[in-house]
C-alpha atoms as a PDB file:
ATOM      1  CA  MET A   1       7.037  62.920  17.818  1.00  0.00           C
ATOM      2  CA  VAL A   2       5.157  66.215  17.330  1.00  0.00           C
ATOM      3  CA  ARG A   3       5.447  65.854  13.551  1.00  0.00           C
ATOM      4  CA  LEU A   4       4.267  62.240  13.762  1.00  0.00           C
ATOM      5  CA  SER A   5       1.252  63.214  15.892  1.00  0.00           C
ATOM      6  CA  LEU A   6       0.379  66.040  13.500  1.00  0.00           C
ATOM      7  CA  ALA A   7       0.616  63.679  10.553  1.00  0.00           C
ATOM      8  CA  LEU A   8      -1.663  61.214  12.355  1.00  0.00           C
ATOM      9  CA  VAL A   9      -4.264  63.877  13.089  1.00  0.00           C
ATOM     10  CA  LEU A  10      -4.272  65.020   9.459  1.00  0.00           C
ATOM     11  CA  SER A  11      -4.543  61.400   8.306  1.00  0.00           C
ATOM     12  CA  LEU A  12      -7.480  60.775  10.638  1.00  0.00           C
ATOM     13  CA  VAL A  13      -9.293  63.830   9.307  1.00  0.00           C
ATOM     14  CA  ALA A  14      -8.727  62.678   5.740  1.00  0.00           C
ATOM     15  CA  ALA A  15      -9.794  59.102   6.556  1.00  0.00           C
ATOM     16  CA  THR A  16     -13.000  60.286   8.186  1.00  0.00           C
ATOM     17  CA  ALA A  17     -13.842  62.271   5.081  1.00  0.00           C
ATOM     18  CA  ILE A  18     -13.468  59.271   2.746  1.00  0.00           C
ATOM     19  CA  ALA A  19     -14.783  56.485   5.006  1.00  0.00           C
ATOM     20  CA  ALA A  20     -18.491  56.981   4.368  1.00  0.00           C
ATOM     21  CA  ASP A  21     -18.566  54.444   1.490  1.00  0.00           C
ATOM     22  CA  ASN A  22     -17.079  51.609   3.528  1.00  0.00           C
ATOM     23  CA  PRO A  23     -18.611  50.857   6.961  1.00  0.00           C
ATOM     24  CA  VAL A  24     -15.537  48.889   8.095  1.00  0.00           C
ATOM     25  CA  VAL A  25     -13.213  51.746   7.181  1.00  0.00           C
ATOM     26  CA  ALA A  26     -15.558  54.151   8.972  1.00  0.00           C
ATOM     27  CA  GLN A  27     -15.598  51.989  12.105  1.00  0.00           C
ATOM     28  CA  LEU A  28     -11.801  51.592  12.181  1.00  0.00           C
ATOM     29  CA  SER A  29     -11.306  55.307  11.550  1.00  0.00           C
ATOM     30  CA  GLN A  30     -13.686  56.109  14.406  1.00  0.00           C
ATOM     31  CA  ARG A  31     -11.691  53.842  16.724  1.00  0.00           C
ATOM     32  CA  LEU A  32      -8.481  55.633  15.772  1.00  0.00           C
ATOM     33  CA  ALA A  33     -10.176  59.013  16.184  1.00  0.00           C
ATOM     34  CA  ALA A  34     -11.410  57.994  19.635  1.00  0.00           C
ATOM     35  CA  LEU A  35      -7.894  56.877  20.542  1.00  0.00           C
ATOM     36  CA  GLN A  36      -6.431  60.170  19.362  1.00  0.00           C
ATOM     37  CA  SER A  37      -9.026  62.241  21.232  1.00  0.00           C
ATOM     38  CA  ASP A  38      -8.584  60.347  24.522  1.00  0.00           C
ATOM     39  CA  PRO A  39      -6.775  62.760  26.895  1.00  0.00           C
ATOM     40  CA  VAL A  40      -4.795  59.915  28.458  1.00  0.00           C
ATOM     41  CA  LEU A  41      -3.940  57.874  25.352  1.00  0.00           C
ATOM     42  CA  SER A  42      -3.622  60.549  22.642  1.00  0.00           C
ATOM     43  CA  GLU A  43       0.067  61.249  23.235  1.00  0.00           C
ATOM     44  CA  HIS A  44       1.089  57.576  23.144  1.00  0.00           C
ATOM     45  CA  ALA A  45       1.825  55.087  20.338  1.00  0.00           C
ATOM     46  CA  ALA A  46       1.913  57.724  17.602  1.00  0.00           C
ATOM     47  CA  TYR A  47       3.911  55.440  15.288  1.00  0.00           C
ATOM     48  CA  GLU A  48       1.538  52.498  15.770  1.00  0.00           C
ATOM     49  CA  LYS A  49      -1.498  54.750  15.203  1.00  0.00           C
ATOM     50  CA  LEU A  50       0.048  56.094  11.999  1.00  0.00           C
ATOM     51  CA  GLN A  51       0.706  52.526  10.829  1.00  0.00           C
ATOM     52  CA  ALA A  52      -2.912  51.670  11.598  1.00  0.00           C
ATOM     53  CA  GLN A  53      -4.146  54.692   9.646  1.00  0.00           C
ATOM     54  CA  HIS A  54      -2.047  53.659   6.640  1.00  0.00           C
ATOM     55  CA  ALA A  55      -3.524  50.156   6.852  1.00  0.00           C
ATOM     56  CA  VAL A  56      -7.082  51.606   6.992  1.00  0.00           C
ATOM     57  CA  ALA A  57      -6.307  53.823   4.005  1.00  0.00           C
ATOM     58  CA  ALA A  58      -4.951  50.810   2.125  1.00  0.00           C
ATOM     59  CA  LEU A  59      -8.184  48.926   2.897  1.00  0.00           C
ATOM     60  CA  ASP A  60     -10.281  51.810   1.617  1.00  0.00           C
ATOM     61  CA  LYS A  61      -8.295  52.030  -1.647  1.00  0.00           C
ATOM     62  CA  GLY A  62      -7.643  48.297  -2.109  1.00  0.00           C
ATOM     63  CA  ARG A  63      -9.081  46.071  -4.797  1.00  0.00           C
ATOM     64  CA  ARG A  64     -12.072  43.907  -3.956  1.00  0.00           C
ATOM     65  CA  SER A  65      -9.974  40.749  -4.370  1.00  0.00           C
ATOM     66  CA  GLN A  66      -7.642  41.979  -1.621  1.00  0.00           C
ATOM     67  CA  ARG A  67     -10.378  43.286   0.671  1.00  0.00           C
ATOM     68  CA  GLU A  68     -10.381  40.356   3.136  1.00  0.00           C
ATOM     69  CA  THR A  69      -6.595  40.418   3.678  1.00  0.00           C
ATOM     70  CA  LEU A  70      -6.434  44.211   3.855  1.00  0.00           C
ATOM     71  CA  GLN A  71      -9.320  44.267   6.351  1.00  0.00           C
ATOM     72  CA  PHE A  72      -7.584  41.716   8.571  1.00  0.00           C
ATOM     73  CA  VAL A  73      -4.317  43.697   8.530  1.00  0.00           C
ATOM     74  CA  ALA A  74      -6.141  46.987   9.168  1.00  0.00           C
ATOM     75  CA  GLU A  75      -8.081  45.543  12.108  1.00  0.00           C
ATOM     76  CA  ARG A  76      -4.894  44.079  13.602  1.00  0.00           C
ATOM     77  CA  ARG A  77      -3.051  47.380  13.162  1.00  0.00           C
ATOM     78  CA  VAL A  78      -5.835  49.296  14.900  1.00  0.00           C
ATOM     79  CA  GLU A  79      -5.882  46.760  17.731  1.00  0.00           C
ATOM     80  CA  ILE A  80      -2.073  46.983  18.026  1.00  0.00           C
ATOM     81  CA  ALA A  81      -2.307  50.787  18.193  1.00  0.00           C
ATOM     82  CA  GLU A  82      -4.914  50.566  20.958  1.00  0.00           C
ATOM     83  CA  ILE A  83      -2.884  48.031  22.927  1.00  0.00           C
ATOM     84  CA  ALA A  84       0.367  49.983  22.445  1.00  0.00           C
ATOM     85  CA  ALA A  85      -1.258  53.231  23.622  1.00  0.00           C
ATOM     86  CA  ARG A  86      -2.674  51.572  26.723  1.00  0.00           C
ATOM     87  CA  THR A  87       0.649  49.814  27.379  1.00  0.00           C
ATOM     88  CA  GLN A  88       2.635  53.043  27.161  1.00  0.00           C
ATOM     89  CA  ALA A  89       0.105  54.851  29.345  1.00  0.00           C
ATOM     90  CA  ALA A  90       0.324  52.047  31.919  1.00  0.00           C
ATOM     91  CA  ARG A  91       4.138  52.212  31.807  1.00  0.00           C
ATOM     92  CA  ARG A  92       4.043  55.947  32.423  1.00  0.00           C
ATOM     93  CA  GLU A  93       1.667  55.392  35.349  1.00  0.00           C
ATOM     94  CA  ALA A  94       3.993  52.746  36.781  1.00  0.00           C
ATOM     95  CA  ASP A  95       6.913  55.194  36.512  1.00  0.00           C
ATOM     96  CA  ARG A  96       4.839  57.836  38.279  1.00  0.00           C
ATOM     97  CA  LEU A  97       4.070  55.389  41.079  1.00  0.00           C
ATOM     98  CA  ASP A  98       7.776  54.594  41.437  1.00  0.00           C
ATOM     99  CA  ARG A  99       8.580  58.291  41.741  1.00  0.00           C
ATOM    100  CA  THR A 100       5.789  58.734  44.280  1.00  0.00           C
ATOM    101  CA  ARG A 101       7.146  55.835  46.322  1.00  0.00           C
ATOM    102  CA  SER A 102      10.646  57.382  46.324  1.00  0.00           C
ATOM    103  CA  GLU A 103       9.249  60.761  47.336  1.00  0.00           C
ATOM    104  CA  LEU A 104       7.290  59.164  50.184  1.00  0.00           C
ATOM    105  CA  LEU A 105      10.403  57.422  51.474  1.00  0.00           C
ATOM    106  CA  VAL A 106      12.480  60.617  51.276  1.00  0.00           C
ATOM    107  CA  GLU A 107       9.768  62.587  53.038  1.00  0.00           C
ATOM    108  CA  ALA A 108       9.489  59.942  55.768  1.00  0.00           C
ATOM    109  CA  SER A 109      13.264  60.041  56.306  1.00  0.00           C
ATOM    110  CA  ARG A 110      13.244  63.852  56.445  1.00  0.00           C
ATOM    111  CA  ARG A 111      10.459  63.825  59.001  1.00  0.00           C
ATOM    112  CA  GLU A 112      12.292  61.281  61.121  1.00  0.00           C
ATOM    113  CA  ALA A 113      15.471  63.361  61.093  1.00  0.00           C
ATOM    114  CA  GLU A 114      13.602  66.540  62.006  1.00  0.00           C
ATOM    115  CA  ARG A 115      11.705  64.804  64.787  1.00  0.00           C
ATOM    116  CA  ALA A 116      14.929  63.337  66.209  1.00  0.00           C
ATOM    117  CA  ARG A 117      16.547  66.802  66.271  1.00  0.00           C
ATOM    118  CA  ARG A 118      13.590  68.338  68.075  1.00  0.00           C
ATOM    119  CA  GLU A 119      13.422  65.502  70.568  1.00  0.00           C
ATOM    120  CA  ALA A 120      17.159  65.713  71.278  1.00  0.00           C
ATOM    121  CA  GLU A 121      16.807  69.414  72.091  1.00  0.00           C
ATOM    122  CA  ARG A 122      13.786  68.730  74.280  1.00  0.00           C
ATOM    123  CA  LEU A 123      15.611  65.979  76.155  1.00  0.00           C
ATOM    124  CA  ARG A 124      18.561  68.310  76.760  1.00  0.00           C
ATOM    125  CA  VAL A 125      16.391  70.870  78.605  1.00  0.00           C
ATOM    126  CA  GLN A 126      13.902  68.418  80.102  1.00  0.00           C
ATOM    127  CA  ALA A 127      16.018  65.660  81.586  1.00  0.00           C
ATOM    128  CA  GLN A 128      13.368  64.986  84.229  1.00  0.00           C
ATOM    129  CA  ILE A 129      10.949  63.581  81.640  1.00  0.00           C
ATOM    130  CA  GLN A 130      13.538  61.571  79.673  1.00  0.00           C
ATOM    131  CA  ALA A 131      11.937  58.223  80.363  1.00  0.00           C
ATOM    132  CA  GLU A 132       8.484  59.319  79.172  1.00  0.00           C
ATOM    133  CA  GLU A 133       9.887  60.967  76.039  1.00  0.00           C
ATOM    134  CA  THR A 134      11.974  57.905  75.186  1.00  0.00           C
ATOM    135  CA  GLU A 135       8.930  55.662  75.369  1.00  0.00           C
ATOM    136  CA  ARG A 136       6.888  58.072  73.264  1.00  0.00           C
ATOM    137  CA  LEU A 137       9.580  58.177  70.620  1.00  0.00           C
ATOM    138  CA  ARG A 138       9.784  54.389  70.542  1.00  0.00           C
ATOM    139  CA  LEU A 139       6.049  54.072  69.957  1.00  0.00           C
ATOM    140  CA  ALA A 140       6.112  56.839  67.364  1.00  0.00           C
ATOM    141  CA  ALA A 141       8.986  55.139  65.520  1.00  0.00           C
ATOM    142  CA  GLU A 142       7.104  51.836  65.464  1.00  0.00           C
ATOM    143  CA  ALA A 143       3.978  53.545  64.147  1.00  0.00           C
ATOM    144  CA  GLU A 144       6.032  55.366  61.509  1.00  0.00           C
ATOM    145  CA  ALA A 145       7.735  52.139  60.444  1.00  0.00           C
ATOM    146  CA  LEU A 146       4.386  50.361  60.254  1.00  0.00           C
ATOM    147  CA  ALA A 147       2.861  53.163  58.203  1.00  0.00           C
ATOM    148  CA  ARG A 148       5.864  53.192  55.882  1.00  0.00           C
ATOM    149  CA  GLN A 149       5.700  49.408  55.497  1.00  0.00           C
ATOM    150  CA  GLU A 150       1.999  49.587  54.672  1.00  0.00           C
ATOM    151  CA  ALA A 151       2.653  52.340  52.124  1.00  0.00           C
ATOM    152  CA  GLU A 152       5.440  50.301  50.526  1.00  0.00           C
ATOM    153  CA  THR A 153       3.261  47.190  50.439  1.00  0.00           C
ATOM    154  CA  THR A 154       0.453  49.125  48.753  1.00  0.00           C
ATOM    155  CA  LEU A 155       2.816  50.627  46.180  1.00  0.00           C
ATOM    156  CA  ASP A 156       4.473  47.254  45.508  1.00  0.00           C
ATOM    157  CA  THR A 157       1.057  45.667  44.971  1.00  0.00           C
ATOM    158  CA  VAL A 158      -0.008  48.381  42.543  1.00  0.00           C
ATOM    159  CA  ALA A 159       3.343  48.187  40.726  1.00  0.00           C
ATOM    160  CA  GLY A 160       3.022  44.396  40.468  1.00  0.00           C
ATOM    161  CA  GLN A 161      -0.466  44.680  39.027  1.00  0.00           C
ATOM    162  CA  GLN A 162       0.748  47.234  36.497  1.00  0.00           C
ATOM    163  CA  ALA A 163       3.667  44.964  35.558  1.00  0.00           C
ATOM    164  CA  ASN A 164       1.280  42.032  35.041  1.00  0.00           C
ATOM    165  CA  ARG A 165      -0.952  44.164  32.844  1.00  0.00           C
ATOM    166  CA  LEU A 166       2.059  45.313  30.819  1.00  0.00           C
ATOM    167  CA  SER A 167       3.227  41.714  30.385  1.00  0.00           C
ATOM    168  CA  ALA A 168      -0.228  40.527  29.304  1.00  0.00           C
ATOM    169  CA  ALA A 169      -0.565  43.412  26.857  1.00  0.00           C
ATOM    170  CA  ARG A 170       2.878  42.649  25.412  1.00  0.00           C
ATOM    171  CA  GLN A 171       1.967  38.974  24.986  1.00  0.00           C
ATOM    172  CA  ARG A 172      -1.203  39.951  23.115  1.00  0.00           C
ATOM    173  CA  GLU A 173       0.779  42.355  20.949  1.00  0.00           C
ATOM    174  CA  LEU A 174       3.325  39.649  20.064  1.00  0.00           C
ATOM    175  CA  LYS A 175       0.514  37.172  19.316  1.00  0.00           C
ATOM    176  CA  LEU A 176      -1.026  39.670  16.891  1.00  0.00           C
ATOM    177  CA  ALA A 177       2.390  40.283  15.334  1.00  0.00           C
ATOM    178  CA  ARG A 178       2.842  36.507  14.880  1.00  0.00           C
ATOM    179  CA  GLU A 179      -0.570  36.185  13.225  1.00  0.00           C
ATOM    180  CA  GLU A 180       0.162  39.137  10.963  1.00  0.00           C
ATOM    181  CA  ALA A 181       3.574  37.716  10.002  1.00  0.00           C
ATOM    182  CA  GLU A 182       2.085  34.324   9.132  1.00  0.00           C
ATOM    183  CA  LEU A 183      -0.664  35.972   7.104  1.00  0.00           C
ATOM    184  CA  VAL A 184       1.724  38.242   5.194  1.00  0.00           C
ATOM    185  CA  SER A 185       4.361  35.559   4.555  1.00  0.00           C
ATOM    186  CA  GLY A 186       1.954  32.663   3.979  1.00  0.00           C
ATOM    187  CA  ALA A 187       4.182  30.477   6.199  1.00  0.00           C
ATOM    188  CA  LYS A 188       4.001  29.271   9.785  1.00  0.00           C
ATOM    189  CA  LEU A 189       6.428  30.568  12.365  1.00  0.00           C
ATOM    190  CA  PRO A 190       8.183  27.888  14.425  1.00  0.00           C
ATOM    191  CA  ALA A 191       7.349  27.604  18.098  1.00  0.00           C
ATOM    192  CA  SER A 192       9.181  29.958  20.437  1.00  0.00           C
ATOM    193  CA  LYS A 193       9.865  30.263  24.138  1.00  0.00           C
ATOM    194  CA  PHE A 194      10.581  33.314  26.272  1.00  0.00           C
ATOM    195  CA  GLU A 195      13.804  33.316  28.262  1.00  0.00           C
ATOM    196  CA  ALA A 196      15.868  35.953  30.037  1.00  0.00           C
ATOM    197  CA  ARG A 197      17.847  36.514  26.834  1.00  0.00           C
ATOM    198  CA  GLY A 198      14.682  37.089  24.732  1.00  0.00           C
ATOM    199  CA  GLU A 199      12.185  35.200  22.556  1.00  0.00           C
ATOM    200  CA  VAL A 200      13.991  32.086  21.283  1.00  0.00           C
ATOM    201  CA  PHE A 201      13.170  30.219  18.046  1.00  0.00           C
ATOM    202  CA  THR A 202      15.010  26.877  17.657  1.00  0.00           C
ATOM    203  CA  LEU A 203      15.416  25.595  14.067  1.00  0.00           C
ATOM    204  CA  GLY A 204      16.445  22.055  13.176  1.00  0.00           C
ATOM    205  CA  ALA A 205      18.861  20.853  10.498  1.00  0.00           C
ATOM    206  CA  ASN A 206      15.947  20.363   8.083  1.00  0.00           C
ATOM    207  CA  VAL A 207      15.972  24.088   7.321  1.00  0.00           C
ATOM    208  CA  PHE A 208      19.098  23.411   5.251  1.00  0.00           C
ATOM    209  CA  ALA A 209      19.424  21.382   2.044  1.00  0.00           C
ATOM    210  CA  GLY A 210      21.455  18.257   2.764  1.00  0.00           C
ATOM    211  CA  ASP A 211      24.784  18.904   4.490  1.00  0.00           C
ATOM    212  CA  SER A 212      25.148  22.413   3.068  1.00  0.00           C
ATOM    213  CA  ALA A 213      24.523  25.917   4.375  1.00  0.00           C
ATOM    214  CA  LYS A 214      21.881  26.531   1.709  1.00  0.00           C
ATOM    215  CA  LEU A 215      18.340  26.926   2.992  1.00  0.00           C
ATOM    216  CA  SER A 216      15.853  24.241   1.987  1.00  0.00           C
ATOM    217  CA  GLY A 217      12.353  25.021   0.726  1.00  0.00           C
ATOM    218  CA  GLY A 218      11.010  24.771   4.269  1.00  0.00           C
ATOM    219  CA  GLY A 219      13.909  26.867   5.547  1.00  0.00           C
ATOM    220  CA  THR A 220      13.131  29.576   3.012  1.00  0.00           C
ATOM    221  CA  SER A 221       9.501  29.643   4.165  1.00  0.00           C
ATOM    222  CA  THR A 222      10.621  29.868   7.781  1.00  0.00           C
ATOM    223  CA  ALA A 223      12.974  32.725   6.896  1.00  0.00           C
ATOM    224  CA  SER A 224      10.104  34.568   5.187  1.00  0.00           C
ATOM    225  CA  ALA A 225       7.896  34.152   8.266  1.00  0.00           C
ATOM    226  CA  LEU A 226      10.698  35.341  10.580  1.00  0.00           C
ATOM    227  CA  ALA A 227      11.334  38.353   8.343  1.00  0.00           C
ATOM    228  CA  ALA A 228       7.635  39.274   8.411  1.00  0.00           C
ATOM    229  CA  TYR A 229       7.626  38.879  12.202  1.00  0.00           C
ATOM    230  CA  LEU A 230      10.601  41.242  12.532  1.00  0.00           C
ATOM    231  CA  GLN A 231       8.912  43.706  10.163  1.00  0.00           C
ATOM    232  CA  ALA A 232       5.814  43.599  12.373  1.00  0.00           C
ATOM    233  CA  ASN A 233       8.081  44.427  15.343  1.00  0.00           C
ATOM    234  CA  PRO A 234      10.149  47.314  13.912  1.00  0.00           C
ATOM    235  CA  LYS A 235      12.063  47.889  17.157  1.00  0.00           C
ATOM    236  CA  ALA A 236      13.069  44.228  17.583  1.00  0.00           C
ATOM    237  CA  ARG A 237      16.565  42.851  16.931  1.00  0.00           C
ATOM    238  CA  ALA A 238      17.605  39.291  16.140  1.00  0.00           C
ATOM    239  CA  ARG A 239      20.718  37.373  17.218  1.00  0.00           C
ATOM    240  CA  ILE A 240      21.270  34.302  15.023  1.00  0.00           C
ATOM    241  CA  GLU A 241      23.373  31.560  16.605  1.00  0.00           C
ATOM    242  CA  GLY A 242      24.571  28.825  14.255  1.00  0.00           C
ATOM    243  CA  TYR A 243      25.447  25.272  15.337  1.00  0.00           C
ATOM    244  CA  GLY A 244      27.632  23.369  12.884  1.00  0.00           C
ATOM    245  CA  ASP A 245      28.504  19.780  12.050  1.00  0.00           C
ATOM    246  CA  ASN A 246      31.392  18.000  10.352  1.00  0.00           C
ATOM    247  CA  GLN A 247      30.425  19.360   6.925  1.00  0.00           C
ATOM    248  CA  THR A 248      29.091  22.852   7.644  1.00  0.00           C
ATOM    249  CA  PRO A 249      30.425  25.419  10.149  1.00  0.00           C
ATOM    250  CA  GLY A 250      27.872  27.083  12.413  1.00  0.00           C
ATOM    251  CA  GLN A 251      28.896  30.553  11.193  1.00  0.00           C
ATOM    252  CA  ARG A 252      27.923  29.700   7.581  1.00  0.00           C
ATOM    253  CA  ARG A 253      24.522  28.493   8.748  1.00  0.00           C
ATOM    254  CA  ALA A 254      23.955  31.646  10.784  1.00  0.00           C
ATOM    255  CA  ASP A 255      25.091  33.846   7.871  1.00  0.00           C
ATOM    256  CA  ALA A 256      22.760  32.016   5.465  1.00  0.00           C
ATOM    257  CA  LEU A 257      19.699  32.823   7.564  1.00  0.00           C
ATOM    258  CA  ARG A 258      20.895  36.389   8.165  1.00  0.00           C
ATOM    259  CA  ASP A 259      21.298  36.923   4.395  1.00  0.00           C
ATOM    260  CA  ALA A 260      17.807  35.493   3.763  1.00  0.00           C
ATOM    261  CA  LEU A 261      16.293  37.866   6.312  1.00  0.00           C
ATOM    262  CA  THR A 262      18.175  40.803   4.789  1.00  0.00           C
ATOM    263  CA  ALA A 263      16.962  39.831   1.320  1.00  0.00           C
ATOM    264  CA  ALA A 264      13.408  39.787   2.681  1.00  0.00           C
ATOM    265  CA  GLY A 265      13.723  43.428   3.750  1.00  0.00           C
ATOM    266  CA  VAL A 266      15.055  43.318   7.325  1.00  0.00           C
ATOM    267  CA  GLN A 267      17.768  45.900   7.956  1.00  0.00           C
ATOM    268  CA  LYS A 268      21.163  44.262   8.374  1.00  0.00           C
ATOM    269  CA  SER A 269      21.901  46.525  11.362  1.00  0.00           C
ATOM    270  CA  ARG A 270      19.110  44.728  13.262  1.00  0.00           C
ATOM    271  CA  LEU A 271      20.739  41.312  12.753  1.00  0.00           C
ATOM    272  CA  GLN A 272      23.758  39.576  14.288  1.00  0.00           C
ATOM    273  CA  SER A 273      25.061  36.156  13.273  1.00  0.00           C
ATOM    274  CA  ILE A 274      27.581  34.117  15.279  1.00  0.00           C
ATOM    275  CA  ALA A 275      28.784  30.516  15.618  1.00  0.00           C
ATOM    276  CA  LYS A 276      27.921  28.514  18.757  1.00  0.00           C
ATOM    277  CA  GLY A 277      29.654  25.156  18.485  1.00  0.00           C
ATOM    278  CA  THR A 278      28.298  21.772  17.410  1.00  0.00           C
ATOM    279  CA  GLY A 279      24.600  21.264  16.748  1.00  0.00           C
ATOM    280  CA  THR A 280      22.146  18.396  16.406  1.00  0.00           C
ATOM    281  CA  LYS A 281      19.330  17.528  14.012  1.00  0.00           C
ATOM    282  CA  ALA A 282      16.939  19.309  16.343  1.00  0.00           C
ATOM    283  CA  ARG A 283      19.123  22.378  16.777  1.00  0.00           C
ATOM    284  CA  ALA A 284      21.013  23.862  13.859  1.00  0.00           C
ATOM    285  CA  LEU A 285      20.086  27.479  14.562  1.00  0.00           C
ATOM    286  CA  GLU A 286      18.713  29.561  17.389  1.00  0.00           C
ATOM    287  CA  VAL A 287      17.174  32.954  16.665  1.00  0.00           C
ATOM    288  CA  ILE A 288      16.945  35.148  19.756  1.00  0.00           C
ATOM    289  CA  ILE A 289      14.688  38.166  19.263  1.00  0.00           C
ATOM    290  CA  THR A 290      14.825  41.017  21.761  1.00  0.00           C
ATOM    291  CA  HIS A 291      11.733  43.237  21.642  1.00  0.00           C
END
């Protein structure tokens, strides 16, 4: 991480030196420099910031005919770096709040135990005021419980807000990754839905040619878009579930898509292909991506 941050700083210095001839490059470099100099965000998303810097450098050195595409990719990479840094900072803050909540609960329990010990000793030597002390302890316990409940409610509210922000930021990041994948591959990604097992893409039998396990032209385009999407999410993994019919086993269908993704540059270690029984025209494959 230290090496990656150092490389990013050196890249930002070099980009600032060469950006004067291109206002867009200068603006994107300034945004990255501001991100790197921010005391809260500088230590986060080093990989995404380095990717963004490479994209800005590619824009600066690219041919005029490629300028529009390179500018779009560079702007998306910078935006992804900004979102990733804020997301990681928010996650760290949420973790800190969780630790604070645990510490508050431990401290409250310790105080209760210490108070009970002192009160027991006092009651032993002051039996004549037992009734008054018992009532005082009851009221104190209720006040302590109420204060602890209020503290927990406040922390839960803050944690929920942080979780919502993290979820919204992740959705924006995935939307940008989808747009980048479609731009790079020149093909549309199929619709997806988010479930407990991950982001699920359902592909129909039309992705295969006839009754075989060979991808059709549309299936090849879909595979290219999925490969670009996985490349835009380098930490993601894909589980490919194949549904067969009387002519083609589900495992062969799953393997065909896996091989197409591998051929498009996705590491085979990030992919898993399995058979899942009998399919329909609407469901020949399911690709479950875990981010």
